[in-house]
PDB file of all heavy atoms in Angstrom:
ATOM      1  N   ARG A   1      99.798 114.682 143.618  1.00  0.00           N
ATOM      2  CA  ARG A   1      98.447 114.593 143.069  1.00  0.00           C
ATOM      3  C   ARG A   1      98.372 113.886 141.723  1.00  0.00           C
ATOM      4  O   ARG A   1      97.350 113.300 141.393  1.00  0.00           O
ATOM      5  CB  ARG A   1      97.852 116.006 142.936  1.00  0.00           C
ATOM      6  CG  ARG A   1      97.625 116.719 144.265  1.00  0.00           C
ATOM      7  CD  ARG A   1      96.661 115.958 145.151  1.00  0.00           C
ATOM      8  NE  ARG A   1      96.302 116.718 146.345  1.00  0.00           N
ATOM      9  CZ  ARG A   1      95.197 117.452 146.462  1.00  0.00           C
ATOM     10  NH1 ARG A   1      94.357 117.526 145.458  1.00  0.00           N
ATOM     11  NH2 ARG A   1      94.941 118.106 147.579  1.00  0.00           N
ATOM     12  N   HIS A   2      99.422 113.981 140.919  1.00  0.00           N
ATOM     13  CA  HIS A   2      99.373 113.338 139.603  1.00  0.00           C
ATOM     14  C   HIS A   2      99.712 111.848 139.750  1.00  0.00           C
ATOM     15  O   HIS A   2     100.636 111.487 140.488  1.00  0.00           O
ATOM     16  CB  HIS A   2     100.354 114.007 138.639  1.00  0.00           C
ATOM     17  CG  HIS A   2     100.087 113.671 137.204  1.00  0.00           C
ATOM     18  ND1 HIS A   2     100.458 112.469 136.632  1.00  0.00           N
ATOM     19  CD2 HIS A   2      99.464 114.377 136.220  1.00  0.00           C
ATOM     20  CE1 HIS A   2     100.085 112.452 135.359  1.00  0.00           C
ATOM     21  NE2 HIS A   2      99.478 113.587 135.086  1.00  0.00           N
ATOM     22  N   PRO A   3      98.996 110.966 139.058  1.00  0.00           N
ATOM     23  CA  PRO A   3      99.273 109.524 139.163  1.00  0.00           C
ATOM     24  C   PRO A   3     100.719 109.171 138.811  1.00  0.00           C
ATOM     25  O   PRO A   3     101.273 108.210 139.363  1.00  0.00           O
ATOM     26  CB  PRO A   3      98.289 108.897 138.167  1.00  0.00           C
ATOM     27  CG  PRO A   3      97.181 109.887 138.065  1.00  0.00           C
ATOM     28  CD  PRO A   3      97.814 111.234 138.219  1.00  0.00           C
ATOM     29  N   TYR A   4     101.323 109.929 137.900  1.00  0.00           N
ATOM     30  CA  TYR A   4     102.715 109.636 137.544  1.00  0.00           C
ATOM     31  C   TYR A   4     103.647 109.953 138.715  1.00  0.00           C
ATOM     32  O   TYR A   4     104.530 109.160 139.046  1.00  0.00           O
ATOM     33  CB  TYR A   4     103.105 110.449 136.314  1.00  0.00           C
ATOM     34  CG  TYR A   4     104.543 110.229 135.879  1.00  0.00           C
ATOM     35  CD1 TYR A   4     104.992 108.971 135.501  1.00  0.00           C
ATOM     36  CD2 TYR A   4     105.454 111.288 135.858  1.00  0.00           C
ATOM     37  CE1 TYR A   4     106.303 108.754 135.119  1.00  0.00           C
ATOM     38  CE2 TYR A   4     106.768 111.086 135.469  1.00  0.00           C
ATOM     39  CZ  TYR A   4     107.189 109.825 135.096  1.00  0.00           C
ATOM     40  OH  TYR A   4     108.493 109.618 134.720  1.00  0.00           O
ATOM     41  N   THR A   5     103.449 111.104 139.348  1.00  0.00           N
ATOM     42  CA  THR A   5     104.260 111.465 140.514  1.00  0.00           C
ATOM     43  C   THR A   5     104.071 110.432 141.622  1.00  0.00           C
ATOM     44  O   THR A   5     105.041 109.999 142.266  1.00  0.00           O
ATOM     45  CB  THR A   5     103.862 112.861 141.037  1.00  0.00           C
ATOM     46  OG1 THR A   5     103.875 113.798 139.964  1.00  0.00           O
ATOM     47  CG2 THR A   5     104.817 113.323 142.117  1.00  0.00           C
ATOM     48  N   GLN A   6     102.827 110.012 141.845  1.00  0.00           N
ATOM     49  CA  GLN A   6     102.553 109.009 142.867  1.00  0.00           C
ATOM     50  C   GLN A   6     103.270 107.695 142.557  1.00  0.00           C
ATOM     51  O   GLN A   6     103.816 107.042 143.441  1.00  0.00           O
ATOM     52  CB  GLN A   6     101.046 108.791 142.974  1.00  0.00           C
ATOM     53  CG  GLN A   6     100.289 110.005 143.497  1.00  0.00           C
ATOM     54  CD  GLN A   6      98.781 109.905 143.317  1.00  0.00           C
ATOM     55  OE1 GLN A   6      98.280 108.983 142.664  1.00  0.00           O
ATOM     56  NE2 GLN A   6      98.044 110.850 143.879  1.00  0.00           N
ATOM     57  N   GLY A   7     103.299 107.334 141.271  1.00  0.00           N
ATOM     58  CA  GLY A   7     103.987 106.109 140.861  1.00  0.00           C
ATOM     59  C   GLY A   7     105.487 106.204 141.073  1.00  0.00           C
ATOM     60  O   GLY A   7     106.128 105.236 141.514  1.00  0.00           O
ATOM     61  N   LEU A   8     106.073 107.361 140.776  1.00  0.00           N
ATOM     62  CA  LEU A   8     107.506 107.557 140.995  1.00  0.00           C
ATOM     63  C   LEU A   8     107.862 107.416 142.472  1.00  0.00           C
ATOM     64  O   LEU A   8     108.864 106.790 142.832  1.00  0.00           O
ATOM     65  CB  LEU A   8     107.940 108.940 140.489  1.00  0.00           C
ATOM     66  CG  LEU A   8     107.968 109.175 138.980  1.00  0.00           C
ATOM     67  CD1 LEU A   8     108.347 110.618 138.688  1.00  0.00           C
ATOM     68  CD2 LEU A   8     108.947 108.225 138.289  1.00  0.00           C
ATOM     69  N   LEU A   9     107.047 107.991 143.330  1.00  0.00           N
ATOM     70  CA  LEU A   9     107.316 107.935 144.769  1.00  0.00           C
ATOM     71  C   LEU A   9     107.143 106.522 145.308  1.00  0.00           C
ATOM     72  O   LEU A   9     107.914 106.076 146.169  1.00  0.00           O
ATOM     73  CB  LEU A   9     106.405 108.908 145.507  1.00  0.00           C
ATOM     74  CG  LEU A   9     106.707 110.395 145.257  1.00  0.00           C
ATOM     75  CD1 LEU A   9     105.619 111.270 145.852  1.00  0.00           C
ATOM     76  CD2 LEU A   9     108.067 110.773 145.828  1.00  0.00           C
ATOM     77  N   ARG A  10     106.158 105.800 144.800  1.00  0.00           N
ATOM     78  CA  ARG A  10     105.974 104.403 145.240  1.00  0.00           C
ATOM     79  C   ARG A  10     107.150 103.524 144.824  1.00  0.00           C
ATOM     80  O   ARG A  10     107.441 102.521 145.487  1.00  0.00           O
ATOM     81  CB  ARG A  10     104.677 103.827 144.668  1.00  0.00           C
ATOM     82  CG  ARG A  10     103.417 104.252 145.398  1.00  0.00           C
ATOM     83  CD  ARG A  10     102.239 103.357 145.022  1.00  0.00           C
ATOM     84  NE  ARG A  10     101.949 103.442 143.590  1.00  0.00           N
ATOM     85  CZ  ARG A  10     101.096 104.304 143.059  1.00  0.00           C
ATOM     86  NH1 ARG A  10     100.437 105.164 143.833  1.00  0.00           N
ATOM     87  NH2 ARG A  10     100.877 104.327 141.755  1.00  0.00           N
ATOM     88  N   ALA A  11     107.807 103.896 143.732  1.00  0.00           N
ATOM     89  CA  ALA A  11     108.897 103.069 143.204  1.00  0.00           C
ATOM     90  C   ALA A  11     110.217 103.275 143.941  1.00  0.00           C
ATOM     91  O   ALA A  11     111.191 102.573 143.663  1.00  0.00           O
ATOM     92  CB  ALA A  11     109.082 103.359 141.714  1.00  0.00           C
ATOM     93  N   ILE A  12     110.262 104.240 144.882  1.00  0.00           N
ATOM     94  CA  ILE A  12     111.495 104.446 145.659  1.00  0.00           C
ATOM     95  C   ILE A  12     111.684 103.259 146.596  1.00  0.00           C
ATOM     96  O   ILE A  12     110.796 102.947 147.398  1.00  0.00           O
ATOM     97  CB  ILE A  12     111.429 105.752 146.476  1.00  0.00           C
ATOM     98  CG1 ILE A  12     111.290 106.952 145.540  1.00  0.00           C
ATOM     99  CG2 ILE A  12     112.657 105.898 147.352  1.00  0.00           C
ATOM    100  CD1 ILE A  12     111.105 108.264 146.269  1.00  0.00           C
ATOM    101  N   PRO A  13     112.834 102.568 146.545  1.00  0.00           N
ATOM    102  CA  PRO A  13     113.043 101.419 147.442  1.00  0.00           C
ATOM    103  C   PRO A  13     113.031 101.865 148.903  1.00  0.00           C
ATOM    104  O   PRO A  13     113.625 102.896 149.241  1.00  0.00           O
ATOM    105  CB  PRO A  13     114.441 100.903 147.034  1.00  0.00           C
ATOM    106  CG  PRO A  13     114.676 101.453 145.666  1.00  0.00           C
ATOM    107  CD  PRO A  13     113.965 102.767 145.615  1.00  0.00           C
ATOM    108  N   PRO A  14     112.360 101.140 149.772  1.00  0.00           N
ATOM    109  CA  PRO A  14     112.333 101.508 151.203  1.00  0.00           C
ATOM    110  C   PRO A  14     113.680 101.237 151.860  1.00  0.00           C
ATOM    111  O   PRO A  14     114.459 100.400 151.403  1.00  0.00           O
ATOM    112  CB  PRO A  14     111.244 100.600 151.770  1.00  0.00           C
ATOM    113  CG  PRO A  14     111.234  99.422 150.861  1.00  0.00           C
ATOM    114  CD  PRO A  14     111.572  99.937 149.492  1.00  0.00           C
ATOM    115  N   LEU A  15     113.937 101.966 152.959  1.00  0.00           N
ATOM    116  CA  LEU A  15     115.192 101.768 153.688  1.00  0.00           C
ATOM    117  C   LEU A  15     115.157 100.490 154.524  1.00  0.00           C
ATOM    118  O   LEU A  15     116.187  99.867 154.771  1.00  0.00           O
ATOM    119  CB  LEU A  15     115.459 102.973 154.595  1.00  0.00           C
ATOM    120  CG  LEU A  15     115.721 104.302 153.885  1.00  0.00           C
ATOM    121  CD1 LEU A  15     115.876 105.424 154.908  1.00  0.00           C
ATOM    122  CD2 LEU A  15     116.983 104.203 153.021  1.00  0.00           C
ATOM    123  N   SER A  16     113.964 100.104 154.968  1.00  0.00           N
ATOM    124  CA  SER A  16     113.841  98.909 155.804  1.00  0.00           C
ATOM    125  C   SER A  16     113.914  97.644 154.952  1.00  0.00           C
ATOM    126  O   SER A  16     113.605  97.662 153.755  1.00  0.00           O
ATOM    127  CB  SER A  16     112.519  98.938 156.571  1.00  0.00           C
ATOM    128  OG  SER A  16     111.432  99.040 155.667  1.00  0.00           O
ATOM    129  N   LYS A  17     114.296  96.564 155.592  1.00  0.00           N
ATOM    130  CA  LYS A  17     114.398  95.284 154.898  1.00  0.00           C
ATOM    131  C   LYS A  17     113.003  94.751 154.587  1.00  0.00           C
ATOM    132  O   LYS A  17     112.120  94.739 155.439  1.00  0.00           O
ATOM    133  CB  LYS A  17     115.159  94.280 155.760  1.00  0.00           C
ATOM    134  CG  LYS A  17     115.438  92.961 155.053  1.00  0.00           C
ATOM    135  CD  LYS A  17     116.265  92.041 155.934  1.00  0.00           C
ATOM    136  CE  LYS A  17     116.538  90.715 155.220  1.00  0.00           C
ATOM    137  NZ  LYS A  17     117.345  89.802 156.079  1.00  0.00           N
ATOM    138  N   LEU A  18     112.821  94.316 153.352  1.00  0.00           N
ATOM    139  CA  LEU A  18     111.516  93.799 152.933  1.00  0.00           C
ATOM    140  C   LEU A  18     111.449  92.286 153.122  1.00  0.00           C
ATOM    141  O   LEU A  18     112.474  91.592 153.039  1.00  0.00           O
ATOM    142  CB  LEU A  18     111.264  94.140 151.467  1.00  0.00           C
ATOM    143  CG  LEU A  18     111.128  95.630 151.121  1.00  0.00           C
ATOM    144  CD1 LEU A  18     111.009  95.804 149.618  1.00  0.00           C
ATOM    145  CD2 LEU A  18     109.920  96.223 151.812  1.00  0.00           C
ATOM    146  N   PRO A  19     110.249  91.741 153.359  1.00  0.00           N
ATOM    147  CA  PRO A  19     110.108  90.273 153.460  1.00  0.00           C
ATOM    148  C   PRO A  19     110.549  89.595 152.161  1.00  0.00           C
ATOM    149  O   PRO A  19     110.443  90.170 151.078  1.00  0.00           O
ATOM    150  CB  PRO A  19     108.602  90.092 153.689  1.00  0.00           C
ATOM    151  CG  PRO A  19     108.121  91.404 154.218  1.00  0.00           C
ATOM    152  CD  PRO A  19     108.982  92.444 153.581  1.00  0.00           C
ATOM    153  N   ALA A  20     111.028  88.379 152.291  1.00  0.00           N
ATOM    154  CA  ALA A  20     111.482  87.625 151.125  1.00  0.00           C
ATOM    155  C   ALA A  20     110.353  87.488 150.115  1.00  0.00           C
ATOM    156  O   ALA A  20     109.204  87.230 150.471  1.00  0.00           O
ATOM    157  CB  ALA A  20     111.970  86.243 151.560  1.00  0.00           C
ATOM    158  N   GLY A  21     110.681  87.694 148.849  1.00  0.00           N
ATOM    159  CA  GLY A  21     109.704  87.559 147.787  1.00  0.00           C
ATOM    160  C   GLY A  21     108.922  88.820 147.484  1.00  0.00           C
ATOM    161  O   GLY A  21     108.129  88.842 146.540  1.00  0.00           O
ATOM    162  N   THR A  22     109.135  89.886 148.273  1.00  0.00           N
ATOM    163  CA  THR A  22     108.419  91.143 148.032  1.00  0.00           C
ATOM    164  C   THR A  22     108.930  91.790 146.749  1.00  0.00           C
ATOM    165  O   THR A  22     110.139  91.884 146.527  1.00  0.00           O
ATOM    166  CB  THR A  22     108.623  92.119 149.208  1.00  0.00           C
ATOM    167  OG1 THR A  22     108.162  91.505 150.411  1.00  0.00           O
ATOM    168  CG2 THR A  22     107.856  93.415 148.968  1.00  0.00           C
ATOM    169  N   ARG A  23     108.016  92.234 145.910  1.00  0.00           N
ATOM    170  CA  ARG A  23     108.395  92.890 144.657  1.00  0.00           C
ATOM    171  C   ARG A  23     108.317  94.400 144.821  1.00  0.00           C
ATOM    172  O   ARG A  23     107.413  94.927 145.475  1.00  0.00           O
ATOM    173  CB  ARG A  23     107.447  92.459 143.526  1.00  0.00           C
ATOM    174  CG  ARG A  23     107.516  90.976 143.208  1.00  0.00           C
ATOM    175  CD  ARG A  23     106.474  90.615 142.157  1.00  0.00           C
ATOM    176  NE  ARG A  23     106.749  91.264 140.887  1.00  0.00           N
ATOM    177  CZ  ARG A  23     107.511  90.756 139.927  1.00  0.00           C
ATOM    178  NH1 ARG A  23     108.093  89.578 140.112  1.00  0.00           N
ATOM    179  NH2 ARG A  23     107.698  91.397 138.794  1.00  0.00           N
ATOM    180  N   PHE A  24     109.282  95.091 144.231  1.00  0.00           N
ATOM    181  CA  PHE A  24     109.260  96.548 144.255  1.00  0.00           C
ATOM    182  C   PHE A  24     108.119  97.061 143.380  1.00  0.00           C
ATOM    183  O   PHE A  24     107.777  96.468 142.349  1.00  0.00           O
ATOM    184  CB  PHE A  24     110.585  97.117 143.744  1.00  0.00           C
ATOM    185  CG  PHE A  24     111.735  96.943 144.698  1.00  0.00           C
ATOM    186  CD1 PHE A  24     112.861  96.224 144.320  1.00  0.00           C
ATOM    187  CD2 PHE A  24     111.687  97.482 145.969  1.00  0.00           C
ATOM    188  CE1 PHE A  24     113.923  96.063 145.190  1.00  0.00           C
ATOM    189  CE2 PHE A  24     112.745  97.320 146.855  1.00  0.00           C
ATOM    190  CZ  PHE A  24     113.865  96.604 146.468  1.00  0.00           C
ATOM    191  N   ALA A  25     107.541  98.182 143.789  1.00  0.00           N
ATOM    192  CA  ALA A  25     106.489  98.811 142.988  1.00  0.00           C
ATOM    193  C   ALA A  25     107.094  99.388 141.708  1.00  0.00           C
ATOM    194  O   ALA A  25     108.202  99.911 141.709  1.00  0.00           O
ATOM    195  CB  ALA A  25     105.822  99.921 143.798  1.00  0.00           C
ATOM    196  N   THR A  26     106.369  99.267 140.624  1.00  0.00           N
ATOM    197  CA  THR A  26     106.815  99.804 139.335  1.00  0.00           C
ATOM    198  C   THR A  26     105.648 100.509 138.649  1.00  0.00           C
ATOM    199  O   THR A  26     104.487 100.328 139.021  1.00  0.00           O
ATOM    200  CB  THR A  26     107.340  98.694 138.406  1.00  0.00           C
ATOM    201  OG1 THR A  26     106.280  97.764 138.146  1.00  0.00           O
ATOM    202  CG2 THR A  26     108.526  97.973 139.011  1.00  0.00           C
TER     203      THR A  26
END
């Protein structure tokens, strides 16, 4: 629920391969 917690979870790198040029969430 907290925006900080949501930001931390979004910043976890996914296990699947990302398309070239995709930037990680920060």
